[in-house]
Amino acid sequence: MSTADRPVRVGAQLQPQHASYADLRRACAELEDLGVDAIFNWDHFYPLYGEPDGAHFECWTMLGAWAEATERVEIGALVTCNSYRNPQLLADMARTVDHISARDGGEGRLVLGIGSGWFERDYDEYGYEFGTAGGRLDALARDLPLIEERLARLNPAPTRKIPVLVGGGGEKKTLRIVARHADIWHGFGSPETIAHKHAVLDDWCARLGRDPAEIERSSGVSPKPGRLPEDVADYAAGAEALFEVGTRLFTVGLNGPDYDLGPIRDLVAWRDAHHPSR
């Protein structure tokens, strides 16, 4: 499928910080009812902003619960930190959540989002070696083939080829890893930045013999610089600009405890009005 032919999809990242699980569960149900295509959390142990010791929940336990609590949406981490789990174990966890999320003999709905990790406090507090950014990327490149090999050996097998989403924009290592292993690339930045990253990714695909059209392009969506988050119409304008440079999965981060769904409603309306594919 070419990039132009891919459907436009809307995702929401429910940031598991500063909220009760009841808040998260309620927002998850409301997002599915709104018609989003994917719901993500993140893989950290402490809040990334706001009160640094505020309420926070673990990623993969939550994904198992969401797999039971939802019926249609894809679910995943944006993104799993490769450093925190043995890759063979992570593959088994992913396969299990994939099966939990399947309905009536159909396919599962897990997206295996993964990255190299960056939040030093997580490492220090939980006893992981932080190392260097380059070393963590090398570990990701080493571990993705192990994840793929374990997924191929598990019994029962996954219900489908679990899509792998790799997050990050590093041009020398990360995008090479994307070109080799990912089904989805996720990045952040202006349309000009994203367009540049797409070109770099396409070049890595050419070097590695991969069809770049096989990789779905995903971006975070924010209001225009200098505008307030409540200016939700700006989310659709931002998404349209990213659409023009090839993005097809658009995700907004939502912070607890309120989880304001206004931007998501705006993006879903934009999707359905201008890029219907359902």
C-alpha atoms as a PDB file:
ATOM      1  CA  MET A   1       0.000   0.000   0.000  1.00  0.00           C
ATOM      2  CA  SER A   2       1.431   3.370  -0.982  1.00  0.00           C
ATOM      3  CA  THR A   3       1.541   6.203   1.528  1.00  0.00           C
ATOM      4  CA  ALA A   4      -1.117   8.096  -0.412  1.00  0.00           C
ATOM      5  CA  ASP A   5      -3.486   5.108  -0.233  1.00  0.00           C
ATOM      6  CA  ARG A   6      -3.179   4.572   3.507  1.00  0.00           C
ATOM      7  CA  PRO A   7      -6.210   5.545   5.590  1.00  0.00           C
ATOM      8  CA  VAL A   8      -6.010   8.518   7.896  1.00  0.00           C
ATOM      9  CA  ARG A   9      -6.113   7.390  11.506  1.00  0.00           C
ATOM     10  CA  VAL A  10      -6.422   9.198  14.823  1.00  0.00           C
ATOM     11  CA  GLY A  11      -4.710   8.100  18.017  1.00  0.00           C
ATOM     12  CA  ALA A  12      -4.745   9.302  21.604  1.00  0.00           C
ATOM     13  CA  GLN A  13      -1.989   8.848  24.143  1.00  0.00           C
ATOM     14  CA  LEU A  14      -3.477   8.574  27.619  1.00  0.00           C
ATOM     15  CA  GLN A  15      -0.528   9.606  29.743  1.00  0.00           C
ATOM     16  CA  PRO A  16      -0.753   7.419  32.872  1.00  0.00           C
ATOM     17  CA  GLN A  17       0.227  10.198  35.275  1.00  0.00           C
ATOM     18  CA  HIS A  18      -1.601  12.366  37.821  1.00  0.00           C
ATOM     19  CA  ALA A  19      -4.757  10.249  37.558  1.00  0.00           C
ATOM     20  CA  SER A  20      -6.511   7.305  39.158  1.00  0.00           C
ATOM     21  CA  TYR A  21      -6.948   4.122  37.162  1.00  0.00           C
ATOM     22  CA  ALA A  22     -10.696   4.855  37.165  1.00  0.00           C
ATOM     23  CA  ASP A  23      -9.904   8.120  35.349  1.00  0.00           C
ATOM     24  CA  LEU A  24      -7.809   6.250  32.791  1.00  0.00           C
ATOM     25  CA  ARG A  25     -10.395   3.512  32.306  1.00  0.00           C
ATOM     26  CA  ARG A  26     -13.176   6.079  31.805  1.00  0.00           C
ATOM     27  CA  ALA A  27     -11.135   8.045  29.261  1.00  0.00           C
ATOM     28  CA  CYS A  28     -10.243   4.854  27.406  1.00  0.00           C
ATOM     29  CA  ALA A  29     -13.932   3.932  27.042  1.00  0.00           C
ATOM     30  CA  GLU A  30     -14.866   7.459  25.939  1.00  0.00           C
ATOM     31  CA  LEU A  31     -12.115   7.495  23.320  1.00  0.00           C
ATOM     32  CA  GLU A  32     -13.297   4.222  21.821  1.00  0.00           C
ATOM     33  CA  ASP A  33     -16.850   5.587  21.711  1.00  0.00           C
ATOM     34  CA  LEU A  34     -15.564   8.724  19.968  1.00  0.00           C
ATOM     35  CA  GLY A  35     -14.157   6.613  17.142  1.00  0.00           C
ATOM     36  CA  VAL A  36     -10.399   6.868  17.595  1.00  0.00           C
ATOM     37  CA  ASP A  37      -8.325   4.248  15.843  1.00  0.00           C
ATOM     38  CA  ALA A  38      -5.669   3.694  18.500  1.00  0.00           C
ATOM     39  CA  ILE A  39      -5.152   4.362  22.202  1.00  0.00           C
ATOM     40  CA  PHE A  40      -1.633   4.476  23.581  1.00  0.00           C
ATOM     41  CA  ASN A  41      -0.065   4.930  26.987  1.00  0.00           C
ATOM     42  CA  TRP A  42       3.671   5.330  27.715  1.00  0.00           C
ATOM     43  CA  ASP A  43       6.327   3.259  29.435  1.00  0.00           C
ATOM     44  CA  HIS A  44       7.684   5.235  32.385  1.00  0.00           C
ATOM     45  CA  PHE A  45       7.687   4.853  36.154  1.00  0.00           C
ATOM     46  CA  TYR A  46       7.340   8.514  37.147  1.00  0.00           C
ATOM     47  CA  PRO A  47       5.494  11.512  35.695  1.00  0.00           C
ATOM     48  CA  LEU A  48       7.316  13.302  32.903  1.00  0.00           C
ATOM     49  CA  TYR A  49       5.930  16.699  33.886  1.00  0.00           C
ATOM     50  CA  GLY A  50       3.871  18.222  36.640  1.00  0.00           C
ATOM     51  CA  GLU A  51       4.504  16.960  40.167  1.00  0.00           C
ATOM     52  CA  PRO A  52       7.529  14.640  39.725  1.00  0.00           C
ATOM     53  CA  ASP A  53       6.352  12.263  42.467  1.00  0.00           C
ATOM     54  CA  GLY A  54       2.718  12.370  41.417  1.00  0.00           C
ATOM     55  CA  ALA A  55       0.500   9.376  40.740  1.00  0.00           C
ATOM     56  CA  HIS A  56       1.725   7.071  37.987  1.00  0.00           C
ATOM     57  CA  PHE A  57       0.952   3.555  36.691  1.00  0.00           C
ATOM     58  CA  GLU A  58       2.923   0.847  34.893  1.00  0.00           C
ATOM     59  CA  CYS A  59       2.541   0.443  31.145  1.00  0.00           C
ATOM     60  CA  TRP A  60       2.129  -3.222  30.219  1.00  0.00           C
ATOM     61  CA  THR A  61      -0.129  -4.250  33.101  1.00  0.00           C
ATOM     62  CA  MET A  62      -2.418  -1.479  31.907  1.00  0.00           C
ATOM     63  CA  LEU A  63      -2.310  -2.678  28.295  1.00  0.00           C
ATOM     64  CA  GLY A  64      -3.539  -6.097  29.403  1.00  0.00           C
ATOM     65  CA  ALA A  65      -6.475  -4.425  31.143  1.00  0.00           C
ATOM     66  CA  TRP A  66      -7.219  -2.246  28.102  1.00  0.00           C
ATOM     67  CA  ALA A  67      -7.177  -5.341  25.904  1.00  0.00           C
ATOM     68  CA  GLU A  68     -10.113  -6.679  27.924  1.00  0.00           C
ATOM     69  CA  ALA A  69     -11.848  -3.328  28.355  1.00  0.00           C
ATOM     70  CA  THR A  70     -11.975  -2.362  24.660  1.00  0.00           C
ATOM     71  CA  GLU A  71     -13.527  -3.993  21.618  1.00  0.00           C
ATOM     72  CA  ARG A  72     -12.302  -2.238  18.474  1.00  0.00           C
ATOM     73  CA  VAL A  73      -9.374   0.160  18.931  1.00  0.00           C
ATOM     74  CA  GLU A  74      -5.743  -0.776  18.583  1.00  0.00           C
ATOM     75  CA  ILE A  75      -3.762  -0.398  21.798  1.00  0.00           C
ATOM     76  CA  GLY A  76      -0.081  -0.030  22.556  1.00  0.00           C
ATOM     77  CA  ALA A  77       2.689   1.894  24.250  1.00  0.00           C
ATOM     78  CA  LEU A  78       4.031   5.087  22.767  1.00  0.00           C
ATOM     79  CA  VAL A  79       6.575   3.732  23.401  1.00  0.00           C
ATOM     80  CA  THR A  80       7.912   0.759  25.357  1.00  0.00           C
ATOM     81  CA  CYS A  81      11.428   1.304  26.704  1.00  0.00           C
ATOM     82  CA  ASN A  82      13.596  -1.486  25.357  1.00  0.00           C
ATOM     83  CA  SER A  83      15.878  -1.332  28.412  1.00  0.00           C
ATOM     84  CA  TYR A  84      13.282  -2.368  30.977  1.00  0.00           C
ATOM     85  CA  ARG A  85      12.502  -5.945  29.915  1.00  0.00           C
ATOM     86  CA  ASN A  86      14.252  -8.959  28.495  1.00  0.00           C
ATOM     87  CA  PRO A  87      13.387  -8.965  24.766  1.00  0.00           C
ATOM     88  CA  GLN A  88      12.230 -12.586  24.838  1.00  0.00           C
ATOM     89  CA  LEU A  89       9.885 -11.768  27.717  1.00  0.00           C
ATOM     90  CA  LEU A  90       8.613  -8.665  25.942  1.00  0.00           C
ATOM     91  CA  ALA A  91       7.759 -10.745  22.883  1.00  0.00           C
ATOM     92  CA  ASP A  92       5.753 -13.146  25.060  1.00  0.00           C
ATOM     93  CA  MET A  93       3.989 -10.255  26.780  1.00  0.00           C
ATOM     94  CA  ALA A  94       3.096  -8.760  23.395  1.00  0.00           C
ATOM     95  CA  ARG A  95       1.769 -12.076  22.092  1.00  0.00           C
ATOM     96  CA  THR A  96      -0.350 -12.517  25.223  1.00  0.00           C
ATOM     97  CA  VAL A  97      -1.881  -9.026  25.038  1.00  0.00           C
ATOM     98  CA  ASP A  98      -2.475  -9.636  21.325  1.00  0.00           C
ATOM     99  CA  HIS A  99      -4.600 -12.697  22.186  1.00  0.00           C
ATOM    100  CA  ILE A 100      -6.414 -10.953  25.045  1.00  0.00           C
ATOM    101  CA  SER A 101      -7.428  -8.168  22.665  1.00  0.00           C
ATOM    102  CA  ALA A 102      -8.840 -10.491  19.969  1.00  0.00           C
ATOM    103  CA  ARG A 103     -12.599 -10.841  19.666  1.00  0.00           C
ATOM    104  CA  ASP A 104     -14.693 -13.738  18.310  1.00  0.00           C
ATOM    105  CA  GLY A 105     -11.791 -15.520  16.668  1.00  0.00           C
ATOM    106  CA  GLY A 106     -10.548 -12.373  14.962  1.00  0.00           C
ATOM    107  CA  GLU A 107      -7.170 -10.705  15.052  1.00  0.00           C
ATOM    108  CA  GLY A 108      -5.635  -8.995  18.042  1.00  0.00           C
ATOM    109  CA  ARG A 109      -5.243  -5.247  18.298  1.00  0.00           C
ATOM    110  CA  LEU A 110      -1.827  -4.696  19.892  1.00  0.00           C
ATOM    111  CA  VAL A 111       0.730  -2.352  18.363  1.00  0.00           C
ATOM    112  CA  LEU A 112       4.203  -3.069  19.722  1.00  0.00           C
ATOM    113  CA  GLY A 113       5.559   0.448  20.148  1.00  0.00           C
ATOM    114  CA  ILE A 114       9.193   0.486  21.183  1.00  0.00           C
ATOM    115  CA  GLY A 115      12.117   2.863  21.566  1.00  0.00           C
ATOM    116  CA  SER A 116      15.563   2.946  23.100  1.00  0.00           C
ATOM    117  CA  GLY A 117      14.671   4.829  26.301  1.00  0.00           C
ATOM    118  CA  TRP A 118      15.738   8.237  27.583  1.00  0.00           C
ATOM    119  CA  PHE A 119      14.239   9.156  30.987  1.00  0.00           C
ATOM    120  CA  GLU A 120      17.195   8.851  33.340  1.00  0.00           C
ATOM    121  CA  ARG A 121      15.168   8.887  36.546  1.00  0.00           C
ATOM    122  CA  ASP A 122      13.404   5.664  35.545  1.00  0.00           C
ATOM    123  CA  TYR A 123      16.769   3.970  35.149  1.00  0.00           C
ATOM    124  CA  ASP A 124      18.239   5.295  38.367  1.00  0.00           C
ATOM    125  CA  GLU A 125      15.240   4.594  40.579  1.00  0.00           C
ATOM    126  CA  TYR A 126      14.602   1.079  39.241  1.00  0.00           C
ATOM    127  CA  GLY A 127      18.216  -0.023  39.017  1.00  0.00           C
ATOM    128  CA  TYR A 128      18.755  -0.118  35.248  1.00  0.00           C
ATOM    129  CA  GLU A 129      22.051   0.973  33.727  1.00  0.00           C
ATOM    130  CA  PHE A 130      21.477   4.237  31.883  1.00  0.00           C
ATOM    131  CA  GLY A 131      24.616   4.119  29.733  1.00  0.00           C
ATOM    132  CA  THR A 132      24.694   6.291  26.639  1.00  0.00           C
ATOM    133  CA  ALA A 133      22.134   7.199  23.989  1.00  0.00           C
ATOM    134  CA  GLY A 134      24.213   5.387  21.372  1.00  0.00           C
ATOM    135  CA  GLY A 135      24.504   2.302  23.547  1.00  0.00           C
ATOM    136  CA  ARG A 136      20.771   2.184  24.152  1.00  0.00           C
ATOM    137  CA  LEU A 137      20.126   2.443  20.411  1.00  0.00           C
ATOM    138  CA  ASP A 138      22.608  -0.355  19.762  1.00  0.00           C
ATOM    139  CA  ALA A 139      20.724  -2.468  22.301  1.00  0.00           C
ATOM    140  CA  LEU A 140      17.445  -1.756  20.484  1.00  0.00           C
ATOM    141  CA  ALA A 141      18.993  -2.846  17.174  1.00  0.00           C
ATOM    142  CA  ARG A 142      20.277  -6.007  18.876  1.00  0.00           C
ATOM    143  CA  ASP A 143      16.993  -6.848  20.611  1.00  0.00           C
ATOM    144  CA  LEU A 144      14.430  -6.312  17.847  1.00  0.00           C
ATOM    145  CA  PRO A 145      15.596  -9.418  15.936  1.00  0.00           C
ATOM    146  CA  LEU A 146      15.339 -11.407  19.183  1.00  0.00           C
ATOM    147  CA  ILE A 147      11.770 -10.179  19.646  1.00  0.00           C
ATOM    148  CA  GLU A 148      10.936 -11.169  16.073  1.00  0.00           C
ATOM    149  CA  GLU A 149      12.502 -14.610  16.513  1.00  0.00           C
ATOM    150  CA  ARG A 150      10.656 -15.289  19.776  1.00  0.00           C
ATOM    151  CA  LEU A 151       7.323 -14.169  18.287  1.00  0.00           C
ATOM    152  CA  ALA A 152       7.859 -16.684  15.490  1.00  0.00           C
ATOM    153  CA  ARG A 153       8.443 -19.521  17.992  1.00  0.00           C
ATOM    154  CA  LEU A 154       5.646 -18.945  20.494  1.00  0.00           C
ATOM    155  CA  ASN A 155       2.778 -21.396  20.892  1.00  0.00           C
ATOM    156  CA  PRO A 156       0.143 -20.245  20.302  1.00  0.00           C
ATOM    157  CA  ALA A 157       1.452 -17.829  17.718  1.00  0.00           C
ATOM    158  CA  PRO A 158       0.233 -14.223  17.669  1.00  0.00           C
ATOM    159  CA  THR A 159      -3.138 -13.793  16.010  1.00  0.00           C
ATOM    160  CA  ARG A 160      -1.556 -11.563  13.367  1.00  0.00           C
ATOM    161  CA  LYS A 161       1.780 -10.057  12.447  1.00  0.00           C
ATOM    162  CA  ILE A 162       1.961  -7.665  15.388  1.00  0.00           C
ATOM    163  CA  PRO A 163       2.771  -4.207  13.986  1.00  0.00           C
ATOM    164  CA  VAL A 164       6.015  -2.758  15.321  1.00  0.00           C
ATOM    165  CA  LEU A 165       6.085   0.993  15.898  1.00  0.00           C
ATOM    166  CA  VAL A 166       9.468   2.584  16.495  1.00  0.00           C
ATOM    167  CA  GLY A 167       9.598   6.080  17.941  1.00  0.00           C
ATOM    168  CA  GLY A 168      12.436   8.553  17.551  1.00  0.00           C
ATOM    169  CA  GLY A 169      14.014  10.744  14.920  1.00  0.00           C
ATOM    170  CA  GLY A 170      17.740  10.063  15.047  1.00  0.00           C
ATOM    171  CA  GLU A 171      18.931   9.973  11.459  1.00  0.00           C
ATOM    172  CA  LYS A 172      22.030   7.783  11.779  1.00  0.00           C
ATOM    173  CA  LYS A 173      20.716   4.976  13.983  1.00  0.00           C
ATOM    174  CA  THR A 174      17.027   5.255  14.818  1.00  0.00           C
ATOM    175  CA  LEU A 175      15.714   5.683  11.281  1.00  0.00           C
ATOM    176  CA  ARG A 176      17.972   2.880  10.096  1.00  0.00           C
ATOM    177  CA  ILE A 177      16.362   0.657  12.749  1.00  0.00           C
ATOM    178  CA  VAL A 178      12.937   1.803  11.534  1.00  0.00           C
ATOM    179  CA  ALA A 179      13.807   0.945   7.945  1.00  0.00           C
ATOM    180  CA  ARG A 180      14.900  -2.541   8.949  1.00  0.00           C
ATOM    181  CA  HIS A 181      12.254  -3.525  11.473  1.00  0.00           C
ATOM    182  CA  ALA A 182       9.281  -1.167  11.812  1.00  0.00           C
ATOM    183  CA  ASP A 183       5.785  -1.173  10.365  1.00  0.00           C
ATOM    184  CA  ILE A 184       5.112   2.320  11.756  1.00  0.00           C
ATOM    185  CA  TRP A 185       7.460   5.243  12.395  1.00  0.00           C
ATOM    186  CA  HIS A 186       6.445   7.840  14.988  1.00  0.00           C
ATOM    187  CA  GLY A 187       8.007  11.271  15.253  1.00  0.00           C
ATOM    188  CA  PHE A 188       7.430  14.828  16.427  1.00  0.00           C
ATOM    189  CA  GLY A 189       8.040  18.210  14.878  1.00  0.00           C
ATOM    190  CA  SER A 190       6.874  20.701  12.317  1.00  0.00           C
ATOM    191  CA  PRO A 191       5.706  19.546   8.893  1.00  0.00           C
ATOM    192  CA  GLU A 192       9.088  20.626   7.526  1.00  0.00           C
ATOM    193  CA  THR A 193      10.911  18.526  10.119  1.00  0.00           C
ATOM    194  CA  ILE A 194       8.675  15.515   9.524  1.00  0.00           C
ATOM    195  CA  ALA A 195       9.095  15.803   5.745  1.00  0.00           C
ATOM    196  CA  HIS A 196      12.868  15.798   6.207  1.00  0.00           C
ATOM    197  CA  LYS A 197      12.722  12.734   8.452  1.00  0.00           C
ATOM    198  CA  HIS A 198      10.542  10.948   5.880  1.00  0.00           C
ATOM    199  CA  ALA A 199      13.180  11.618   3.232  1.00  0.00           C
ATOM    200  CA  VAL A 200      15.928  10.261   5.480  1.00  0.00           C
ATOM    201  CA  LEU A 201      13.834   7.185   6.254  1.00  0.00           C
ATOM    202  CA  ASP A 202      13.150   6.629   2.562  1.00  0.00           C
ATOM    203  CA  ASP A 203      16.883   6.804   1.907  1.00  0.00           C
ATOM    204  CA  TRP A 204      17.578   4.190   4.591  1.00  0.00           C
ATOM    205  CA  CYS A 205      14.889   1.977   3.052  1.00  0.00           C
ATOM    206  CA  ALA A 206      16.603   2.265  -0.334  1.00  0.00           C
ATOM    207  CA  ARG A 207      19.949   1.313   1.188  1.00  0.00           C
ATOM    208  CA  LEU A 208      18.471  -1.698   2.994  1.00  0.00           C
ATOM    209  CA  GLY A 209      16.230  -2.882   0.167  1.00  0.00           C
ATOM    210  CA  ARG A 210      12.953  -2.057   1.926  1.00  0.00           C
ATOM    211  CA  ASP A 211       9.910  -0.582   0.216  1.00  0.00           C
ATOM    212  CA  PRO A 212       9.301   2.686   2.132  1.00  0.00           C
ATOM    213  CA  ALA A 213       5.578   2.440   1.412  1.00  0.00           C
ATOM    214  CA  GLU A 214       5.460  -0.507   3.827  1.00  0.00           C
ATOM    215  CA  ILE A 215       6.039   1.866   6.750  1.00  0.00           C
ATOM    216  CA  GLU A 216       3.103   3.893   8.050  1.00  0.00           C
ATOM    217  CA  ARG A 217       4.092   7.427   9.033  1.00  0.00           C
ATOM    218  CA  SER A 218       2.851   8.633  12.441  1.00  0.00           C
ATOM    219  CA  SER A 219       3.220  12.018  14.137  1.00  0.00           C
ATOM    220  CA  GLY A 220       2.275  13.730  17.329  1.00  0.00           C
ATOM    221  CA  VAL A 221      -0.092  16.656  16.799  1.00  0.00           C
ATOM    222  CA  SER A 222      -0.002  19.881  18.823  1.00  0.00           C
ATOM    223  CA  PRO A 223      -1.530  23.352  18.465  1.00  0.00           C
ATOM    224  CA  LYS A 224       0.354  25.956  16.472  1.00  0.00           C
ATOM    225  CA  PRO A 225       3.263  27.575  18.350  1.00  0.00           C
ATOM    226  CA  GLY A 226       2.042  30.277  20.686  1.00  0.00           C
ATOM    227  CA  ARG A 227      -1.541  29.025  20.749  1.00  0.00           C
ATOM    228  CA  LEU A 228      -3.261  27.474  23.758  1.00  0.00           C
ATOM    229  CA  PRO A 229      -4.206  23.780  23.918  1.00  0.00           C
ATOM    230  CA  GLU A 230      -7.879  24.747  24.174  1.00  0.00           C
ATOM    231  CA  ASP A 231      -7.663  26.165  20.642  1.00  0.00           C
ATOM    232  CA  VAL A 232      -8.680  22.728  19.441  1.00  0.00           C
ATOM    233  CA  ALA A 233      -9.332  23.787  15.857  1.00  0.00           C
ATOM    234  CA  ASP A 234      -5.577  24.205  15.541  1.00  0.00           C
ATOM    235  CA  TYR A 235      -5.143  20.453  15.966  1.00  0.00           C
ATOM    236  CA  ALA A 236      -7.003  19.786  12.725  1.00  0.00           C
ATOM    237  CA  ALA A 237      -5.004  22.484  10.941  1.00  0.00           C
ATOM    238  CA  GLY A 238      -1.789  20.960  12.245  1.00  0.00           C
ATOM    239  CA  ALA A 239      -2.875  17.495  11.209  1.00  0.00           C
ATOM    240  CA  GLU A 240      -3.742  18.637   7.690  1.00  0.00           C
ATOM    241  CA  ALA A 241      -0.282  20.160   7.293  1.00  0.00           C
ATOM    242  CA  LEU A 242       1.298  16.895   8.439  1.00  0.00           C
ATOM    243  CA  PHE A 243      -1.001  14.952   6.102  1.00  0.00           C
ATOM    244  CA  GLU A 244       0.407  16.897   3.177  1.00  0.00           C
ATOM    245  CA  VAL A 245       3.914  15.569   3.928  1.00  0.00           C
ATOM    246  CA  GLY A 246       2.798  11.950   4.283  1.00  0.00           C
ATOM    247  CA  THR A 247       1.672  11.431   7.887  1.00  0.00           C
ATOM    248  CA  ARG A 248      -1.311   9.115   8.201  1.00  0.00           C
ATOM    249  CA  LEU A 249      -1.562   8.370  11.948  1.00  0.00           C
ATOM    250  CA  PHE A 250      -2.105  11.472  14.103  1.00  0.00           C
ATOM    251  CA  THR A 251      -1.799  11.229  17.877  1.00  0.00           C
ATOM    252  CA  VAL A 252      -2.541  13.733  20.631  1.00  0.00           C
ATOM    253  CA  GLY A 253      -1.183  13.348  24.142  1.00  0.00           C
ATOM    254  CA  LEU A 254      -3.762  13.690  26.925  1.00  0.00           C
ATOM    255  CA  ASN A 255      -2.689  14.387  30.500  1.00  0.00           C
ATOM    256  CA  GLY A 256      -4.548  13.333  33.638  1.00  0.00           C
ATOM    257  CA  PRO A 257      -6.545  13.639  35.671  1.00  0.00           C
ATOM    258  CA  ASP A 258      -9.006  15.466  33.400  1.00  0.00           C
ATOM    259  CA  TYR A 259      -8.092  13.967  29.999  1.00  0.00           C
ATOM    260  CA  ASP A 260      -9.695  16.725  27.942  1.00  0.00           C
ATOM    261  CA  LEU A 261     -11.009  15.013  24.809  1.00  0.00           C
ATOM    262  CA  GLY A 262     -11.693  18.223  22.871  1.00  0.00           C
ATOM    263  CA  PRO A 263      -8.669  17.893  20.565  1.00  0.00           C
ATOM    264  CA  ILE A 264      -9.581  14.284  19.829  1.00  0.00           C
ATOM    265  CA  ARG A 265     -13.144  15.197  18.896  1.00  0.00           C
ATOM    266  CA  ASP A 266     -11.742  17.823  16.580  1.00  0.00           C
ATOM    267  CA  LEU A 267      -9.354  15.400  14.899  1.00  0.00           C
ATOM    268  CA  VAL A 268     -11.981  12.680  14.502  1.00  0.00           C
ATOM    269  CA  ALA A 269     -14.351  15.212  12.891  1.00  0.00           C
ATOM    270  CA  TRP A 270     -11.527  16.365  10.586  1.00  0.00           C
ATOM    271  CA  ARG A 271     -10.719  12.770   9.647  1.00  0.00           C
ATOM    272  CA  ASP A 272     -14.313  11.875   8.888  1.00  0.00           C
ATOM    273  CA  ALA A 273     -15.067  15.080   6.970  1.00  0.00           C
ATOM    274  CA  HIS A 274     -11.917  15.352   4.863  1.00  0.00           C
ATOM    275  CA  HIS A 275     -10.285  11.894   4.773  1.00  0.00           C
ATOM    276  CA  PRO A 276     -13.054   9.315   5.254  1.00  0.00           C
ATOM    277  CA  SER A 277     -11.899   5.744   4.911  1.00  0.00           C
ATOM    278  CA  ARG A 278     -14.429   3.802   6.970  1.00  0.00           C
END
